[in-house]
Amino acid sequence: MDLYARQVEAQKTSNFDLTLASAQSDLAQQLLKNSYVFDFLTLREAAHE
């Protein structure tokens, strides 16, 4: 039983489409969908998971 599936898969509600430009709104929506977003880290190419 996946205890967190409902939370991860649930539709997130926001007002990004009303308050942000289209491209920024899309990015913000994607950030909410991805539970592990590490794009803010400035890792080099040599860094491996």
PDB file of N, CA and C in Angstrom:
ATOM      1  N   MET A   1       0.843  -1.180   0.000  1.00  0.00           N
ATOM      2  CA  MET A   1       0.000   0.000   0.000  1.00  0.00           C
ATOM      3  C   MET A   1       0.888   1.243   0.000  1.00  0.00           C
ATOM      4  N   ASP A   2       0.669   2.092  -0.935  1.00  0.00           N
ATOM      5  CA  ASP A   2       1.456   3.322  -1.035  1.00  0.00           C
ATOM      6  C   ASP A   2       0.747   4.431  -0.269  1.00  0.00           C
ATOM      7  N   LEU A   3       1.255   4.745   0.898  1.00  0.00           N
ATOM      8  CA  LEU A   3       0.591   5.704   1.776  1.00  0.00           C
ATOM      9  C   LEU A   3       0.604   7.125   1.243  1.00  0.00           C
ATOM     10  N   TYR A   4       1.577   7.446   0.393  1.00  0.00           N
ATOM     11  CA  TYR A   4       1.717   8.813  -0.086  1.00  0.00           C
ATOM     12  C   TYR A   4       1.202   9.014  -1.508  1.00  0.00           C
ATOM     13  N   ALA A   5       0.710   8.000  -2.128  1.00  0.00           N
ATOM     14  CA  ALA A   5       0.271   8.094  -3.525  1.00  0.00           C
ATOM     15  C   ALA A   5      -0.822   9.131  -3.708  1.00  0.00           C
ATOM     16  N   ARG A   6      -1.790   9.147  -2.823  1.00  0.00           N
ATOM     17  CA  ARG A   6      -2.893  10.097  -2.964  1.00  0.00           C
ATOM     18  C   ARG A   6      -2.401  11.537  -2.870  1.00  0.00           C
ATOM     19  N   GLN A   7      -1.463  11.795  -1.967  1.00  0.00           N
ATOM     20  CA  GLN A   7      -0.930  13.148  -1.814  1.00  0.00           C
ATOM     21  C   GLN A   7      -0.120  13.565  -3.038  1.00  0.00           C
ATOM     22  N   VAL A   8       0.682  12.675  -3.563  1.00  0.00           N
ATOM     23  CA  VAL A   8       1.534  12.987  -4.706  1.00  0.00           C
ATOM     24  C   VAL A   8       0.718  13.141  -5.977  1.00  0.00           C
ATOM     25  N   GLU A   9      -0.266  12.285  -6.172  1.00  0.00           N
ATOM     26  CA  GLU A   9      -1.045  12.281  -7.405  1.00  0.00           C
ATOM     27  C   GLU A   9      -2.216  13.260  -7.394  1.00  0.00           C
ATOM     28  N   ALA A  10      -2.531  13.828  -6.260  1.00  0.00           N
ATOM     29  CA  ALA A  10      -3.677  14.736  -6.157  1.00  0.00           C
ATOM     30  C   ALA A  10      -3.445  16.006  -6.969  1.00  0.00           C
ATOM     31  N   GLN A  11      -4.518  16.525  -7.539  1.00  0.00           N
ATOM     32  CA  GLN A  11      -4.453  17.776  -8.288  1.00  0.00           C
ATOM     33  C   GLN A  11      -4.148  18.912  -7.318  1.00  0.00           C
ATOM     34  N   LYS A  12      -3.093  19.641  -7.582  1.00  0.00           N
ATOM     35  CA  LYS A  12      -2.717  20.768  -6.731  1.00  0.00           C
ATOM     36  C   LYS A  12      -3.481  22.010  -7.170  1.00  0.00           C
ATOM     37  N   THR A  13      -4.010  22.751  -6.229  1.00  0.00           N
ATOM     38  CA  THR A  13      -4.732  23.969  -6.556  1.00  0.00           C
ATOM     39  C   THR A  13      -3.845  25.175  -6.306  1.00  0.00           C
ATOM     40  N   SER A  14      -3.907  26.116  -7.221  1.00  0.00           N
ATOM     41  CA  SER A  14      -3.122  27.340  -7.095  1.00  0.00           C
ATOM     42  C   SER A  14      -3.755  28.417  -7.964  1.00  0.00           C
ATOM     43  N   ASN A  15      -3.236  29.612  -7.841  1.00  0.00           N
ATOM     44  CA  ASN A  15      -3.689  30.708  -8.696  1.00  0.00           C
ATOM     45  C   ASN A  15      -2.559  31.170  -9.614  1.00  0.00           C
ATOM     46  N   PHE A  16      -1.628  30.279  -9.907  1.00  0.00           N
ATOM     47  CA  PHE A  16      -0.481  30.629 -10.741  1.00  0.00           C
ATOM     48  C   PHE A  16      -0.908  31.130 -12.116  1.00  0.00           C
ATOM     49  N   ASP A  17      -1.924  30.504 -12.688  1.00  0.00           N
ATOM     50  CA  ASP A  17      -2.366  30.914 -14.026  1.00  0.00           C
ATOM     51  C   ASP A  17      -2.966  32.317 -14.027  1.00  0.00           C
ATOM     52  N   LEU A  18      -3.430  32.785 -12.878  1.00  0.00           N
ATOM     53  CA  LEU A  18      -3.995  34.132 -12.784  1.00  0.00           C
ATOM     54  C   LEU A  18      -2.960  35.187 -12.408  1.00  0.00           C
ATOM     55  N   THR A  19      -1.909  34.778 -11.704  1.00  0.00           N
ATOM     56  CA  THR A  19      -0.969  35.752 -11.146  1.00  0.00           C
ATOM     57  C   THR A  19       0.388  35.785 -11.829  1.00  0.00           C
ATOM     58  N   LEU A  20       0.705  34.777 -12.628  1.00  0.00           N
ATOM     59  CA  LEU A  20       2.008  34.709 -13.288  1.00  0.00           C
ATOM     60  C   LEU A  20       1.839  34.706 -14.804  1.00  0.00           C
ATOM     61  N   ALA A  21       2.920  35.058 -15.476  1.00  0.00           N
ATOM     62  CA  ALA A  21       2.938  34.936 -16.933  1.00  0.00           C
ATOM     63  C   ALA A  21       2.826  33.455 -17.301  1.00  0.00           C
ATOM     64  N   SER A  22       2.424  33.169 -18.518  1.00  0.00           N
ATOM     65  CA  SER A  22       2.159  31.796 -18.943  1.00  0.00           C
ATOM     66  C   SER A  22       3.342  30.856 -18.715  1.00  0.00           C
ATOM     67  N   ALA A  23       4.526  31.247 -19.156  1.00  0.00           N
ATOM     68  CA  ALA A  23       5.705  30.384 -19.006  1.00  0.00           C
ATOM     69  C   ALA A  23       6.036  30.157 -17.534  1.00  0.00           C
ATOM     70  N   GLN A  24       5.933  31.198 -16.740  1.00  0.00           N
ATOM     71  CA  GLN A  24       6.224  31.068 -15.309  1.00  0.00           C
ATOM     72  C   GLN A  24       5.155  30.237 -14.607  1.00  0.00           C
ATOM     73  N   SER A  25       3.921  30.382 -15.031  1.00  0.00           N
ATOM     74  CA  SER A  25       2.834  29.596 -14.463  1.00  0.00           C
ATOM     75  C   SER A  25       3.045  28.113 -14.737  1.00  0.00           C
ATOM     76  N   ASP A  26       3.433  27.780 -15.959  1.00  0.00           N
ATOM     77  CA  ASP A  26       3.702  26.381 -16.310  1.00  0.00           C
ATOM     78  C   ASP A  26       4.828  25.815 -15.463  1.00  0.00           C
ATOM     79  N   LEU A  27       5.894  26.590 -15.279  1.00  0.00           N
ATOM     80  CA  LEU A  27       7.027  26.143 -14.467  1.00  0.00           C
ATOM     81  C   LEU A  27       6.597  25.921 -13.020  1.00  0.00           C
ATOM     82  N   ALA A  28       5.839  26.835 -12.473  1.00  0.00           N
ATOM     83  CA  ALA A  28       5.370  26.700 -11.095  1.00  0.00           C
ATOM     84  C   ALA A  28       4.492  25.461 -10.937  1.00  0.00           C
ATOM     85  N   GLN A  29       3.639  25.185 -11.917  1.00  0.00           N
ATOM     86  CA  GLN A  29       2.794  23.987 -11.869  1.00  0.00           C
ATOM     87  C   GLN A  29       3.653  22.724 -11.886  1.00  0.00           C
ATOM     88  N   GLN A  30       4.697  22.711 -12.704  1.00  0.00           N
ATOM     89  CA  GLN A  30       5.583  21.553 -12.769  1.00  0.00           C
ATOM     90  C   GLN A  30       6.333  21.354 -11.458  1.00  0.00           C
ATOM     91  N   LEU A  31       6.706  22.444 -10.805  1.00  0.00           N
ATOM     92  CA  LEU A  31       7.386  22.333  -9.515  1.00  0.00           C
ATOM     93  C   LEU A  31       6.496  21.666  -8.476  1.00  0.00           C
ATOM     94  N   LEU A  32       5.212  21.953  -8.519  1.00  0.00           N
ATOM     95  CA  LEU A  32       4.294  21.317  -7.581  1.00  0.00           C
ATOM     96  C   LEU A  32       4.089  19.841  -7.890  1.00  0.00           C
ATOM     97  N   LYS A  33       4.166  19.467  -9.143  1.00  0.00           N
ATOM     98  CA  LYS A  33       3.953  18.074  -9.530  1.00  0.00           C
ATOM     99  C   LYS A  33       5.136  17.196  -9.158  1.00  0.00           C
ATOM    100  N   ASN A  34       6.347  17.737  -9.257  1.00  0.00           N
ATOM    101  CA  ASN A  34       7.546  16.960  -9.002  1.00  0.00           C
ATOM    102  C   ASN A  34       7.908  17.047  -7.532  1.00  0.00           C
ATOM    103  N   SER A  35       7.853  15.928  -6.825  1.00  0.00           N
ATOM    104  CA  SER A  35       8.129  15.947  -5.396  1.00  0.00           C
ATOM    105  C   SER A  35       9.614  16.082  -5.077  1.00  0.00           C
ATOM    106  N   TYR A  36      10.481  15.851  -6.046  1.00  0.00           N
ATOM    107  CA  TYR A  36      11.915  15.976  -5.823  1.00  0.00           C
ATOM    108  C   TYR A  36      12.507  16.918  -6.860  1.00  0.00           C
ATOM    109  N   VAL A  37      12.416  18.199  -6.634  1.00  0.00           N
ATOM    110  CA  VAL A  37      12.947  19.196  -7.553  1.00  0.00           C
ATOM    111  C   VAL A  37      14.221  19.763  -6.953  1.00  0.00           C
ATOM    112  N   PHE A  38      15.343  19.481  -7.599  1.00  0.00           N
ATOM    113  CA  PHE A  38      16.629  19.961  -7.116  1.00  0.00           C
ATOM    114  C   PHE A  38      17.284  20.890  -8.125  1.00  0.00           C
ATOM    115  N   ASP A  39      16.489  21.493  -9.007  1.00  0.00           N
ATOM    116  CA  ASP A  39      17.033  22.384 -10.026  1.00  0.00           C
ATOM    117  C   ASP A  39      17.707  23.607  -9.432  1.00  0.00           C
ATOM    118  N   PHE A  40      17.342  23.976  -8.213  1.00  0.00           N
ATOM    119  CA  PHE A  40      17.932  25.147  -7.590  1.00  0.00           C
ATOM    120  C   PHE A  40      19.377  24.906  -7.164  1.00  0.00           C
ATOM    121  N   LEU A  41      19.785  23.646  -7.091  1.00  0.00           N
ATOM    122  CA  LEU A  41      21.171  23.331  -6.752  1.00  0.00           C
ATOM    123  C   LEU A  41      22.054  23.526  -7.969  1.00  0.00           C
ATOM    124  N   THR A  42      23.192  24.117  -7.777  1.00  0.00           N
ATOM    125  CA  THR A  42      24.119  24.339  -8.894  1.00  0.00           C
ATOM    126  C   THR A  42      25.223  23.289  -8.828  1.00  0.00           C
ATOM    127  N   LEU A  43      24.840  22.065  -9.157  1.00  0.00           N
ATOM    128  CA  LEU A  43      25.796  20.964  -9.156  1.00  0.00           C
ATOM    129  C   LEU A  43      26.504  20.890 -10.494  1.00  0.00           C
ATOM    130  N   ARG A  44      27.715  20.453 -10.452  1.00  0.00           N
ATOM    131  CA  ARG A  44      28.496  20.301 -11.684  1.00  0.00           C
ATOM    132  C   ARG A  44      28.132  18.996 -12.374  1.00  0.00           C
ATOM    133  N   GLU A  45      28.603  18.872 -13.605  1.00  0.00           N
ATOM    134  CA  GLU A  45      28.350  17.655 -14.385  1.00  0.00           C
ATOM    135  C   GLU A  45      28.932  16.422 -13.704  1.00  0.00           C
ATOM    136  N   ALA A  46      30.012  16.588 -12.943  1.00  0.00           N
ATOM    137  CA  ALA A  46      30.678  15.453 -12.309  1.00  0.00           C
ATOM    138  C   ALA A  46      29.882  14.892 -11.129  1.00  0.00           C
ATOM    139  N   ALA A  47      28.903  15.615 -10.646  1.00  0.00           N
ATOM    140  CA  ALA A  47      28.115  15.147  -9.505  1.00  0.00           C
ATOM    141  C   ALA A  47      27.146  14.058  -9.965  1.00  0.00           C
ATOM    142  N   HIS A  48      27.165  12.956  -9.272  1.00  0.00           N
ATOM    143  CA  HIS A  48      26.277  11.835  -9.598  1.00  0.00           C
ATOM    144  C   HIS A  48      25.431  11.504  -8.384  1.00  0.00           C
ATOM    145  N   GLU A  49      24.244  11.017  -8.628  1.00  0.00           N
ATOM    146  CA  GLU A  49      23.371  10.621  -7.521  1.00  0.00           C
ATOM    147  C   GLU A  49      23.824   9.305  -6.958  1.00  0.00           C
TER     148      GLU A  49
END
